[in-house]
Amino acid sequence: MPWWVWLVLALFMLAMFVAGVVYAVLHGIRAMKTVSPVGRRISERLDAMSHSDYPTDSDTQRAIFTEPLRVAADRYADAHAVVVERRERRQDRYARQWAHWSHFNE
């Protein structure tokens, strides 16, 4: 092979390498422009979650083993009532959705 063919091949290889680097850099910059607002929104929401103005359960209630047994039973009953209400609301939502779907194509 003549020397100029090797020169053309080497120049083509260098041009493709430079084009690949430019392509990767441009797409990386575009991706950073897309990702940075998402990261900012996530950090704002995480910051809002960590700085709550509401008192936590540990601030308002003592440890359960320091309370009388009646207090523990009342807390359990209240928590269980909330669980039952949530389960009933979920079942109502499911029933409404299934009723809607059963009459959807009529």
PDB file of N, CA and C in Angstrom:
ATOM      1  N   MET A   1       0.847  -1.169   0.000  1.00  0.00           N
ATOM      2  CA  MET A   1       0.000   0.000   0.000  1.00  0.00           C
ATOM      3  C   MET A   1       0.898   1.239   0.000  1.00  0.00           C
ATOM      4  N   PRO A   2       0.537   2.221  -0.806  1.00  0.00           N
ATOM      5  CA  PRO A   2       1.366   3.436  -0.831  1.00  0.00           C
ATOM      6  C   PRO A   2       1.234   4.222   0.479  1.00  0.00           C
ATOM      7  N   TRP A   3       2.166   5.111   0.708  1.00  0.00           N
ATOM      8  CA  TRP A   3       2.211   5.860   1.965  1.00  0.00           C
ATOM      9  C   TRP A   3       1.020   6.789   2.116  1.00  0.00           C
ATOM     10  N   TRP A   4       0.503   7.316   1.022  1.00  0.00           N
ATOM     11  CA  TRP A   4      -0.592   8.284   1.121  1.00  0.00           C
ATOM     12  C   TRP A   4      -1.897   7.622   1.547  1.00  0.00           C
ATOM     13  N   VAL A   5      -2.070   6.325   1.276  1.00  0.00           N
ATOM     14  CA  VAL A   5      -3.256   5.601   1.724  1.00  0.00           C
ATOM     15  C   VAL A   5      -3.232   5.499   3.244  1.00  0.00           C
ATOM     16  N   TRP A   6      -2.030   5.198   3.789  1.00  0.00           N
ATOM     17  CA  TRP A   6      -1.902   5.144   5.249  1.00  0.00           C
ATOM     18  C   TRP A   6      -2.181   6.513   5.865  1.00  0.00           C
ATOM     19  N   LEU A   7      -1.758   7.552   5.216  1.00  0.00           N
ATOM     20  CA  LEU A   7      -2.000   8.911   5.703  1.00  0.00           C
ATOM     21  C   LEU A   7      -3.492   9.229   5.698  1.00  0.00           C
ATOM     22  N   VAL A   8      -4.183   8.856   4.639  1.00  0.00           N
ATOM     23  CA  VAL A   8      -5.631   9.085   4.560  1.00  0.00           C
ATOM     24  C   VAL A   8      -6.349   8.287   5.642  1.00  0.00           C
ATOM     25  N   LEU A   9      -5.959   7.037   5.841  1.00  0.00           N
ATOM     26  CA  LEU A   9      -6.585   6.211   6.876  1.00  0.00           C
ATOM     27  C   LEU A   9      -6.339   6.784   8.271  1.00  0.00           C
ATOM     28  N   ALA A  10      -5.121   7.241   8.531  1.00  0.00           N
ATOM     29  CA  ALA A  10      -4.802   7.817   9.840  1.00  0.00           C
ATOM     30  C   ALA A  10      -5.585   9.109  10.063  1.00  0.00           C
ATOM     31  N   LEU A  11      -5.686   9.948   9.044  1.00  0.00           N
ATOM     32  CA  LEU A  11      -6.455  11.194   9.170  1.00  0.00           C
ATOM     33  C   LEU A  11      -7.943  10.904   9.365  1.00  0.00           C
ATOM     34  N   PHE A  12      -8.452   9.911   8.660  1.00  0.00           N
ATOM     35  CA  PHE A  12      -9.853   9.535   8.828  1.00  0.00           C
ATOM     36  C   PHE A  12     -10.105   9.022  10.241  1.00  0.00           C
ATOM     37  N   MET A  13      -9.161   8.224  10.762  1.00  0.00           N
ATOM     38  CA  MET A  13      -9.308   7.711  12.119  1.00  0.00           C
ATOM     39  C   MET A  13      -9.296   8.862  13.128  1.00  0.00           C
ATOM     40  N   LEU A  14      -8.402   9.794  12.979  1.00  0.00           N
ATOM     41  CA  LEU A  14      -8.348  10.943  13.884  1.00  0.00           C
ATOM     42  C   LEU A  14      -9.616  11.791  13.778  1.00  0.00           C
ATOM     43  N   ALA A  15     -10.107  11.975  12.563  1.00  0.00           N
ATOM     44  CA  ALA A  15     -11.333  12.759  12.378  1.00  0.00           C
ATOM     45  C   ALA A  15     -12.519  12.070  13.050  1.00  0.00           C
ATOM     46  N   MET A  16     -12.625  10.760  12.926  1.00  0.00           N
ATOM     47  CA  MET A  16     -13.718  10.030  13.572  1.00  0.00           C
ATOM     48  C   MET A  16     -13.588  10.080  15.094  1.00  0.00           C
ATOM     49  N   PHE A  17     -12.360  10.013  15.602  1.00  0.00           N
ATOM     50  CA  PHE A  17     -12.152  10.110  17.047  1.00  0.00           C
ATOM     51  C   PHE A  17     -12.571  11.489  17.560  1.00  0.00           C
ATOM     52  N   VAL A  18     -12.174  12.538  16.867  1.00  0.00           N
ATOM     53  CA  VAL A  18     -12.550  13.901  17.267  1.00  0.00           C
ATOM     54  C   VAL A  18     -14.060  14.084  17.156  1.00  0.00           C
ATOM     55  N   ALA A  19     -14.667  13.572  16.099  1.00  0.00           N
ATOM     56  CA  ALA A  19     -16.120  13.690  15.948  1.00  0.00           C
ATOM     57  C   ALA A  19     -16.841  12.952  17.074  1.00  0.00           C
ATOM     58  N   GLY A  20     -16.345  11.798  17.473  1.00  0.00           N
ATOM     59  CA  GLY A  20     -16.951  11.058  18.579  1.00  0.00           C
ATOM     60  C   GLY A  20     -16.837  11.800  19.893  1.00  0.00           C
ATOM     61  N   VAL A  21     -15.687  12.408  20.148  1.00  0.00           N
ATOM     62  CA  VAL A  21     -15.512  13.186  21.376  1.00  0.00           C
ATOM     63  C   VAL A  21     -16.445  14.390  21.381  1.00  0.00           C
ATOM     64  N   VAL A  22     -16.545  15.090  20.263  1.00  0.00           N
ATOM     65  CA  VAL A  22     -17.441  16.251  20.172  1.00  0.00           C
ATOM     66  C   VAL A  22     -18.887  15.817  20.374  1.00  0.00           C
ATOM     67  N   TYR A  23     -19.278  14.720  19.768  1.00  0.00           N
ATOM     68  CA  TYR A  23     -20.636  14.196  19.921  1.00  0.00           C
ATOM     69  C   TYR A  23     -20.931  13.878  21.384  1.00  0.00           C
ATOM     70  N   ALA A  24     -20.000  13.197  22.048  1.00  0.00           N
ATOM     71  CA  ALA A  24     -20.206  12.830  23.453  1.00  0.00           C
ATOM     72  C   ALA A  24     -20.277  14.068  24.341  1.00  0.00           C
ATOM     73  N   VAL A  25     -19.429  15.047  24.103  1.00  0.00           N
ATOM     74  CA  VAL A  25     -19.433  16.266  24.919  1.00  0.00           C
ATOM     75  C   VAL A  25     -20.735  17.040  24.720  1.00  0.00           C
ATOM     76  N   LEU A  26     -21.174  17.189  23.489  1.00  0.00           N
ATOM     77  CA  LEU A  26     -22.412  17.938  23.232  1.00  0.00           C
ATOM     78  C   LEU A  26     -23.619  17.253  23.868  1.00  0.00           C
ATOM     79  N   HIS A  27     -23.702  15.937  23.755  1.00  0.00           N
ATOM     80  CA  HIS A  27     -24.827  15.230  24.368  1.00  0.00           C
ATOM     81  C   HIS A  27     -24.724  15.239  25.888  1.00  0.00           C
ATOM     82  N   GLY A  28     -23.521  15.228  26.425  1.00  0.00           N
ATOM     83  CA  GLY A  28     -23.354  15.338  27.867  1.00  0.00           C
ATOM     84  C   GLY A  28     -23.813  16.689  28.386  1.00  0.00           C
ATOM     85  N   ILE A  29     -23.491  17.750  27.660  1.00  0.00           N
ATOM     86  CA  ILE A  29     -23.936  19.091  28.066  1.00  0.00           C
ATOM     87  C   ILE A  29     -25.455  19.185  27.997  1.00  0.00           C
ATOM     88  N   ARG A  30     -26.051  18.642  26.948  1.00  0.00           N
ATOM     89  CA  ARG A  30     -27.506  18.668  26.828  1.00  0.00           C
ATOM     90  C   ARG A  30     -28.166  17.855  27.947  1.00  0.00           C
ATOM     91  N   ALA A  31     -27.564  16.730  28.296  1.00  0.00           N
ATOM     92  CA  ALA A  31     -28.107  15.917  29.391  1.00  0.00           C
ATOM     93  C   ALA A  31     -28.001  16.654  30.719  1.00  0.00           C
ATOM     94  N   MET A  32     -26.923  17.367  30.945  1.00  0.00           N
ATOM     95  CA  MET A  32     -26.779  18.125  32.193  1.00  0.00           C
ATOM     96  C   MET A  32     -27.832  19.228  32.286  1.00  0.00           C
ATOM     97  N   LYS A  33     -28.166  19.850  31.151  1.00  0.00           N
ATOM     98  CA  LYS A  33     -29.213  20.881  31.160  1.00  0.00           C
ATOM     99  C   LYS A  33     -30.569  20.276  31.498  1.00  0.00           C
ATOM    100  N   THR A  34     -30.786  19.036  31.116  1.00  0.00           N
ATOM    101  CA  THR A  34     -32.047  18.363  31.417  1.00  0.00           C
ATOM    102  C   THR A  34     -32.079  17.855  32.850  1.00  0.00           C
ATOM    103  N   VAL A  35     -30.960  17.335  33.323  1.00  0.00           N
ATOM    104  CA  VAL A  35     -30.915  16.702  34.639  1.00  0.00           C
ATOM    105  C   VAL A  35     -30.869  17.726  35.769  1.00  0.00           C
ATOM    106  N   SER A  36     -30.249  18.864  35.550  1.00  0.00           N
ATOM    107  CA  SER A  36     -30.084  19.820  36.651  1.00  0.00           C
ATOM    108  C   SER A  36     -31.406  20.346  37.202  1.00  0.00           C
ATOM    109  N   PRO A  37     -32.428  20.678  36.391  1.00  0.00           N
ATOM    110  CA  PRO A  37     -33.709  21.084  37.003  1.00  0.00           C
ATOM    111  C   PRO A  37     -34.366  19.956  37.788  1.00  0.00           C
ATOM    112  N   VAL A  38     -34.213  18.734  37.313  1.00  0.00           N
ATOM    113  CA  VAL A  38     -34.789  17.597  38.037  1.00  0.00           C
ATOM    114  C   VAL A  38     -34.098  17.445  39.389  1.00  0.00           C
ATOM    115  N   GLY A  39     -32.788  17.548  39.404  1.00  0.00           N
ATOM    116  CA  GLY A  39     -32.051  17.472  40.656  1.00  0.00           C
ATOM    117  C   GLY A  39     -32.413  18.594  41.607  1.00  0.00           C
ATOM    118  N   ARG A  40     -32.634  19.782  41.068  1.00  0.00           N
ATOM    119  CA  ARG A  40     -33.024  20.920  41.903  1.00  0.00           C
ATOM    120  C   ARG A  40     -34.397  20.680  42.522  1.00  0.00           C
ATOM    121  N   ARG A  41     -35.345  20.168  41.729  1.00  0.00           N
ATOM    122  CA  ARG A  41     -36.680  19.896  42.272  1.00  0.00           C
ATOM    123  C   ARG A  41     -36.627  18.812  43.339  1.00  0.00           C
ATOM    124  N   ILE A  42     -35.821  17.785  43.100  1.00  0.00           N
ATOM    125  CA  ILE A  42     -35.702  16.716  44.094  1.00  0.00           C
ATOM    126  C   ILE A  42     -35.104  17.252  45.383  1.00  0.00           C
ATOM    127  N   SER A  43     -34.061  18.061  45.273  1.00  0.00           N
ATOM    128  CA  SER A  43     -33.431  18.586  46.490  1.00  0.00           C
ATOM    129  C   SER A  43     -34.367  19.524  47.237  1.00  0.00           C
ATOM    130  N   GLU A  44     -35.179  20.308  46.514  1.00  0.00           N
ATOM    131  CA  GLU A  44     -36.155  21.177  47.186  1.00  0.00           C
ATOM    132  C   GLU A  44     -37.182  20.350  47.951  1.00  0.00           C
ATOM    133  N   ARG A  45     -37.654  19.287  47.357  1.00  0.00           N
ATOM    134  CA  ARG A  45     -38.660  18.461  48.026  1.00  0.00           C
ATOM    135  C   ARG A  45     -38.070  17.716  49.219  1.00  0.00           C
ATOM    136  N   LEU A  46     -36.849  17.222  49.064  1.00  0.00           N
ATOM    137  CA  LEU A  46     -36.203  16.556  50.196  1.00  0.00           C
ATOM    138  C   LEU A  46     -35.941  17.538  51.330  1.00  0.00           C
ATOM    139  N   ASP A  47     -35.561  18.762  50.988  1.00  0.00           N
ATOM    140  CA  ASP A  47     -35.335  19.773  52.013  1.00  0.00           C
ATOM    141  C   ASP A  47     -36.635  20.124  52.714  1.00  0.00           C
ATOM    142  N   ALA A  48     -37.722  20.222  51.953  1.00  0.00           N
ATOM    143  CA  ALA A  48     -39.022  20.519  52.569  1.00  0.00           C
ATOM    144  C   ALA A  48     -39.461  19.381  53.484  1.00  0.00           C
ATOM    145  N   MET A  49     -39.148  18.145  53.117  1.00  0.00           N
ATOM    146  CA  MET A  49     -39.530  17.017  53.964  1.00  0.00           C
ATOM    147  C   MET A  49     -38.717  16.986  55.251  1.00  0.00           C
ATOM    148  N   SER A  50     -37.473  17.416  55.194  1.00  0.00           N
ATOM    149  CA  SER A  50     -36.634  17.350  56.392  1.00  0.00           C
ATOM    150  C   SER A  50     -36.906  18.491  57.360  1.00  0.00           C
ATOM    151  N   HIS A  51     -37.504  19.597  56.887  1.00  0.00           N
ATOM    152  CA  HIS A  51     -37.792  20.745  57.750  1.00  0.00           C
ATOM    153  C   HIS A  51     -39.292  20.879  57.959  1.00  0.00           C
ATOM    154  N   SER A  52     -39.859  19.920  58.627  1.00  0.00           N
ATOM    155  CA  SER A  52     -41.298  19.923  58.870  1.00  0.00           C
ATOM    156  C   SER A  52     -41.624  20.811  60.061  1.00  0.00           C
ATOM    157  N   ASP A  53     -42.715  21.570  59.973  1.00  0.00           N
ATOM    158  CA  ASP A  53     -43.164  22.422  61.070  1.00  0.00           C
ATOM    159  C   ASP A  53     -44.046  21.665  62.045  1.00  0.00           C
ATOM    160  N   TYR A  54     -44.461  20.470  61.673  1.00  0.00           N
ATOM    161  CA  TYR A  54     -45.346  19.698  62.521  1.00  0.00           C
ATOM    162  C   TYR A  54     -44.538  18.936  63.568  1.00  0.00           C
ATOM    163  N   PRO A  55     -45.072  18.827  64.775  1.00  0.00           N
ATOM    164  CA  PRO A  55     -44.346  18.043  65.784  1.00  0.00           C
ATOM    165  C   PRO A  55     -44.395  16.560  65.431  1.00  0.00           C
ATOM    166  N   THR A  56     -43.317  15.889  65.656  1.00  0.00           N
ATOM    167  CA  THR A  56     -43.276  14.460  65.371  1.00  0.00           C
ATOM    168  C   THR A  56     -43.846  13.690  66.544  1.00  0.00           C
ATOM    169  N   ASP A  57     -44.110  12.410  66.327  1.00  0.00           N
ATOM    170  CA  ASP A  57     -44.660  11.575  67.396  1.00  0.00           C
ATOM    171  C   ASP A  57     -43.706  11.479  68.580  1.00  0.00           C
ATOM    172  N   SER A  58     -42.410  11.492  68.302  1.00  0.00           N
ATOM    173  CA  SER A  58     -41.448  11.385  69.401  1.00  0.00           C
ATOM    174  C   SER A  58     -41.445  12.645  70.262  1.00  0.00           C
ATOM    175  N   ASP A  59     -41.871  13.792  69.698  1.00  0.00           N
ATOM    176  CA  ASP A  59     -41.936  15.027  70.476  1.00  0.00           C
ATOM    177  C   ASP A  59     -43.178  15.072  71.357  1.00  0.00           C
ATOM    178  N   THR A  60     -44.272  14.480  70.912  1.00  0.00           N
ATOM    179  CA  THR A  60     -45.539  14.624  71.625  1.00  0.00           C
ATOM    180  C   THR A  60     -45.873  13.438  72.515  1.00  0.00           C
ATOM    181  N   GLN A  61     -45.285  12.283  72.287  1.00  0.00           N
ATOM    182  CA  GLN A  61     -45.641  11.096  73.056  1.00  0.00           C
ATOM    183  C   GLN A  61     -44.396  10.494  73.701  1.00  0.00           C
ATOM    184  N   ARG A  62     -44.578  10.013  74.888  1.00  0.00           N
ATOM    185  CA  ARG A  62     -43.484   9.320  75.566  1.00  0.00           C
ATOM    186  C   ARG A  62     -43.398   7.893  75.043  1.00  0.00           C
ATOM    187  N   ALA A  63     -42.313   7.236  75.389  1.00  0.00           N
ATOM    188  CA  ALA A  63     -42.146   5.834  74.995  1.00  0.00           C
ATOM    189  C   ALA A  63     -43.259   5.001  75.610  1.00  0.00           C
ATOM    190  N   ILE A  64     -43.757   4.038  74.857  1.00  0.00           N
ATOM    191  CA  ILE A  64     -44.942   3.293  75.276  1.00  0.00           C
ATOM    192  C   ILE A  64     -44.680   2.459  76.528  1.00  0.00           C
ATOM    193  N   PHE A  65     -43.448   2.001  76.743  1.00  0.00           N
ATOM    194  CA  PHE A  65     -43.197   1.169  77.922  1.00  0.00           C
ATOM    195  C   PHE A  65     -43.179   1.985  79.217  1.00  0.00           C
ATOM    196  N   THR A  66     -43.194   3.325  79.095  1.00  0.00           N
ATOM    197  CA  THR A  66     -43.258   4.157  80.306  1.00  0.00           C
ATOM    198  C   THR A  66     -44.685   4.553  80.641  1.00  0.00           C
ATOM    199  N   GLU A  67     -45.622   4.201  79.792  1.00  0.00           N
ATOM    200  CA  GLU A  67     -47.026   4.559  79.990  1.00  0.00           C
ATOM    201  C   GLU A  67     -47.778   3.371  80.593  1.00  0.00           C
ATOM    202  N   PRO A  68     -48.935   3.643  81.184  1.00  0.00           N
ATOM    203  CA  PRO A  68     -49.774   2.535  81.659  1.00  0.00           C
ATOM    204  C   PRO A  68     -50.277   1.695  80.481  1.00  0.00           C
ATOM    205  N   LEU A  69     -50.660   0.472  80.771  1.00  0.00           N
ATOM    206  CA  LEU A  69     -51.107  -0.447  79.735  1.00  0.00           C
ATOM    207  C   LEU A  69     -52.368   0.062  79.037  1.00  0.00           C
ATOM    208  N   ARG A  70     -53.235   0.758  79.735  1.00  0.00           N
ATOM    209  CA  ARG A  70     -54.461   1.298  79.156  1.00  0.00           C
ATOM    210  C   ARG A  70     -54.126   2.296  78.038  1.00  0.00           C
ATOM    211  N   VAL A  71     -53.076   3.109  78.226  1.00  0.00           N
ATOM    212  CA  VAL A  71     -52.671   4.080  77.202  1.00  0.00           C
ATOM    213  C   VAL A  71     -52.204   3.344  75.946  1.00  0.00           C
ATOM    214  N   ALA A  72     -51.430   2.292  76.128  1.00  0.00           N
ATOM    215  CA  ALA A  72     -50.973   1.509  74.980  1.00  0.00           C
ATOM    216  C   ALA A  72     -52.151   0.878  74.252  1.00  0.00           C
ATOM    217  N   ALA A  73     -53.106   0.373  74.996  1.00  0.00           N
ATOM    218  CA  ALA A  73     -54.285  -0.240  74.374  1.00  0.00           C
ATOM    219  C   ALA A  73     -55.091   0.802  73.614  1.00  0.00           C
ATOM    220  N   ASP A  74     -55.222   1.998  74.176  1.00  0.00           N
ATOM    221  CA  ASP A  74     -55.957   3.058  73.479  1.00  0.00           C
ATOM    222  C   ASP A  74     -55.246   3.471  72.190  1.00  0.00           C
ATOM    223  N   ARG A  75     -53.920   3.600  72.260  1.00  0.00           N
ATOM    224  CA  ARG A  75     -53.167   3.958  71.048  1.00  0.00           C
ATOM    225  C   ARG A  75     -53.330   2.884  69.979  1.00  0.00           C
ATOM    226  N   TYR A  76     -53.266   1.630  70.390  1.00  0.00           N
ATOM    227  CA  TYR A  76     -53.428   0.544  69.432  1.00  0.00           C
ATOM    228  C   TYR A  76     -54.822   0.576  68.821  1.00  0.00           C
ATOM    229  N   ALA A  77     -55.835   0.813  69.652  1.00  0.00           N
ATOM    230  CA  ALA A  77     -57.213   0.855  69.143  1.00  0.00           C
ATOM    231  C   ALA A  77     -57.386   2.003  68.160  1.00  0.00           C
ATOM    232  N   ASP A  78     -56.813   3.161  68.479  1.00  0.00           N
ATOM    233  CA  ASP A  78     -56.904   4.301  67.559  1.00  0.00           C
ATOM    234  C   ASP A  78     -56.195   4.001  66.240  1.00  0.00           C
ATOM    235  N   ALA A  79     -55.007   3.437  66.327  1.00  0.00           N
ATOM    236  CA  ALA A  79     -54.260   3.118  65.111  1.00  0.00           C
ATOM    237  C   ALA A  79     -54.988   2.064  64.286  1.00  0.00           C
ATOM    238  N   HIS A  80     -55.566   1.082  64.954  1.00  0.00           N
ATOM    239  CA  HIS A  80     -56.293   0.047  64.225  1.00  0.00           C
ATOM    240  C   HIS A  80     -57.554   0.618  63.574  1.00  0.00           C
ATOM    241  N   ALA A  81     -58.201   1.563  64.231  1.00  0.00           N
ATOM    242  CA  ALA A  81     -59.377   2.201  63.632  1.00  0.00           C
ATOM    243  C   ALA A  81     -58.991   2.946  62.362  1.00  0.00           C
ATOM    244  N   VAL A  82     -57.842   3.604  62.373  1.00  0.00           N
ATOM    245  CA  VAL A  82     -57.372   4.301  61.170  1.00  0.00           C
ATOM    246  C   VAL A  82     -57.094   3.302  60.054  1.00  0.00           C
ATOM    247  N   VAL A  83     -56.504   2.164  60.401  1.00  0.00           N
ATOM    248  CA  VAL A  83     -56.221   1.133  59.397  1.00  0.00           C
ATOM    249  C   VAL A  83     -57.517   0.605  58.796  1.00  0.00           C
ATOM    250  N   VAL A  84     -58.511   0.366  59.633  1.00  0.00           N
ATOM    251  CA  VAL A  84     -59.795  -0.149  59.149  1.00  0.00           C
ATOM    252  C   VAL A  84     -60.473   0.884  58.252  1.00  0.00           C
ATOM    253  N   GLU A  85     -60.440   2.154  58.647  1.00  0.00           N
ATOM    254  CA  GLU A  85     -61.043   3.202  57.809  1.00  0.00           C
ATOM    255  C   GLU A  85     -60.343   3.293  56.461  1.00  0.00           C
ATOM    256  N   ARG A  86     -59.023   3.220  56.462  1.00  0.00           N
ATOM    257  CA  ARG A  86     -58.279   3.283  55.207  1.00  0.00           C
ATOM    258  C   ARG A  86     -58.616   2.089  54.322  1.00  0.00           C
ATOM    259  N   ARG A  87     -58.748   0.911  54.919  1.00  0.00           N
ATOM    260  CA  ARG A  87     -59.105  -0.282  54.154  1.00  0.00           C
ATOM    261  C   ARG A  87     -60.503  -0.138  53.553  1.00  0.00           C
ATOM    262  N   GLU A  88     -61.445   0.411  54.323  1.00  0.00           N
ATOM    263  CA  GLU A  88     -62.803   0.604  53.810  1.00  0.00           C
ATOM    264  C   GLU A  88     -62.826   1.628  52.682  1.00  0.00           C
ATOM    265  N   ARG A  89     -62.058   2.708  52.817  1.00  0.00           N
ATOM    266  CA  ARG A  89     -61.989   3.697  51.733  1.00  0.00           C
ATOM    267  C   ARG A  89     -61.414   3.072  50.470  1.00  0.00           C
ATOM    268  N   ARG A  90     -60.395   2.225  50.633  1.00  0.00           N
ATOM    269  CA  ARG A  90     -59.804   1.558  49.478  1.00  0.00           C
ATOM    270  C   ARG A  90     -60.816   0.632  48.821  1.00  0.00           C
ATOM    271  N   GLN A  91     -61.556  -0.130  49.617  1.00  0.00           N
ATOM    272  CA  GLN A  91     -62.563  -1.028  49.056  1.00  0.00           C
ATOM    273  C   GLN A  91     -63.663  -0.245  48.349  1.00  0.00           C
ATOM    274  N   ASP A  92     -64.043   0.914  48.901  1.00  0.00           N
ATOM    275  CA  ASP A  92     -65.047   1.748  48.233  1.00  0.00           C
ATOM    276  C   ASP A  92     -64.530   2.260  46.891  1.00  0.00           C
ATOM    277  N   ARG A  93     -63.270   2.688  46.865  1.00  0.00           N
ATOM    278  CA  ARG A  93     -62.693   3.154  45.595  1.00  0.00           C
ATOM    279  C   ARG A  93     -62.668   2.033  44.572  1.00  0.00           C
ATOM    280  N   TYR A  94     -62.246   0.843  44.993  1.00  0.00           N
ATOM    281  CA  TYR A  94     -62.220  -0.297  44.081  1.00  0.00           C
ATOM    282  C   TYR A  94     -63.620  -0.620  43.571  1.00  0.00           C
ATOM    283  N   ALA A  95     -64.615  -0.594  44.461  1.00  0.00           N
ATOM    284  CA  ALA A  95     -65.989  -0.911  44.048  1.00  0.00           C
ATOM    285  C   ALA A  95     -66.500   0.116  43.045  1.00  0.00           C
ATOM    286  N   ARG A  96     -66.220   1.400  43.303  1.00  0.00           N
ATOM    287  CA  ARG A  96     -66.653   2.439  42.352  1.00  0.00           C
ATOM    288  C   ARG A  96     -65.974   2.258  41.003  1.00  0.00           C
ATOM    289  N   GLN A  97     -64.687   1.939  41.017  1.00  0.00           N
ATOM    290  CA  GLN A  97     -63.967   1.775  39.758  1.00  0.00           C
ATOM    291  C   GLN A  97     -64.478   0.566  38.988  1.00  0.00           C
ATOM    292  N   TRP A  98     -64.711  -0.547  39.678  1.00  0.00           N
ATOM    293  CA  TRP A  98     -65.234  -1.728  39.000  1.00  0.00           C
ATOM    294  C   TRP A  98     -66.642  -1.479  38.473  1.00  0.00           C
ATOM    295  N   ALA A  99     -67.443  -0.723  39.208  1.00  0.00           N
ATOM    296  CA  ALA A  99     -68.781  -0.392  38.716  1.00  0.00           C
ATOM    297  C   ALA A  99     -68.685   0.467  37.463  1.00  0.00           C
ATOM    298  N   HIS A 100     -67.745   1.386  37.457  1.00  0.00           N
ATOM    299  CA  HIS A 100     -67.551   2.226  36.274  1.00  0.00           C
ATOM    300  C   HIS A 100     -67.103   1.378  35.086  1.00  0.00           C
ATOM    301  N   TRP A 101     -66.177   0.455  35.331  1.00  0.00           N
ATOM    302  CA  TRP A 101     -65.686  -0.383  34.245  1.00  0.00           C
ATOM    303  C   TRP A 101     -66.752  -1.351  33.746  1.00  0.00           C
ATOM    304  N   SER A 102     -67.631  -1.805  34.620  1.00  0.00           N
ATOM    305  CA  SER A 102     -68.641  -2.764  34.177  1.00  0.00           C
ATOM    306  C   SER A 102     -69.666  -2.107  33.256  1.00  0.00           C
ATOM    307  N   HIS A 103     -69.841  -0.791  33.374  1.00  0.00           N
ATOM    308  CA  HIS A 103     -70.793  -0.075  32.516  1.00  0.00           C
ATOM    309  C   HIS A 103     -70.089   0.770  31.463  1.00  0.00           C
ATOM    310  N   PHE A 104     -68.811   0.578  31.294  1.00  0.00           N
ATOM    311  CA  PHE A 104     -68.029   1.431  30.403  1.00  0.00           C
ATOM    312  C   PHE A 104     -68.434   1.269  28.946  1.00  0.00           C
ATOM    313  N   ASN A 105     -68.652   0.050  28.496  1.00  0.00           N
ATOM    314  CA  ASN A 105     -68.928  -0.203  27.085  1.00  0.00           C
ATOM    315  C   ASN A 105     -70.414  -0.302  26.771  1.00  0.00           C
ATOM    316  N   GLU A 106     -71.242   0.031  27.704  1.00  0.00           N
ATOM    317  CA  GLU A 106     -72.682  -0.092  27.438  1.00  0.00           C
ATOM    318  C   GLU A 106     -73.216   1.120  26.734  1.00  0.00           C
TER     319      GLU A 106
END
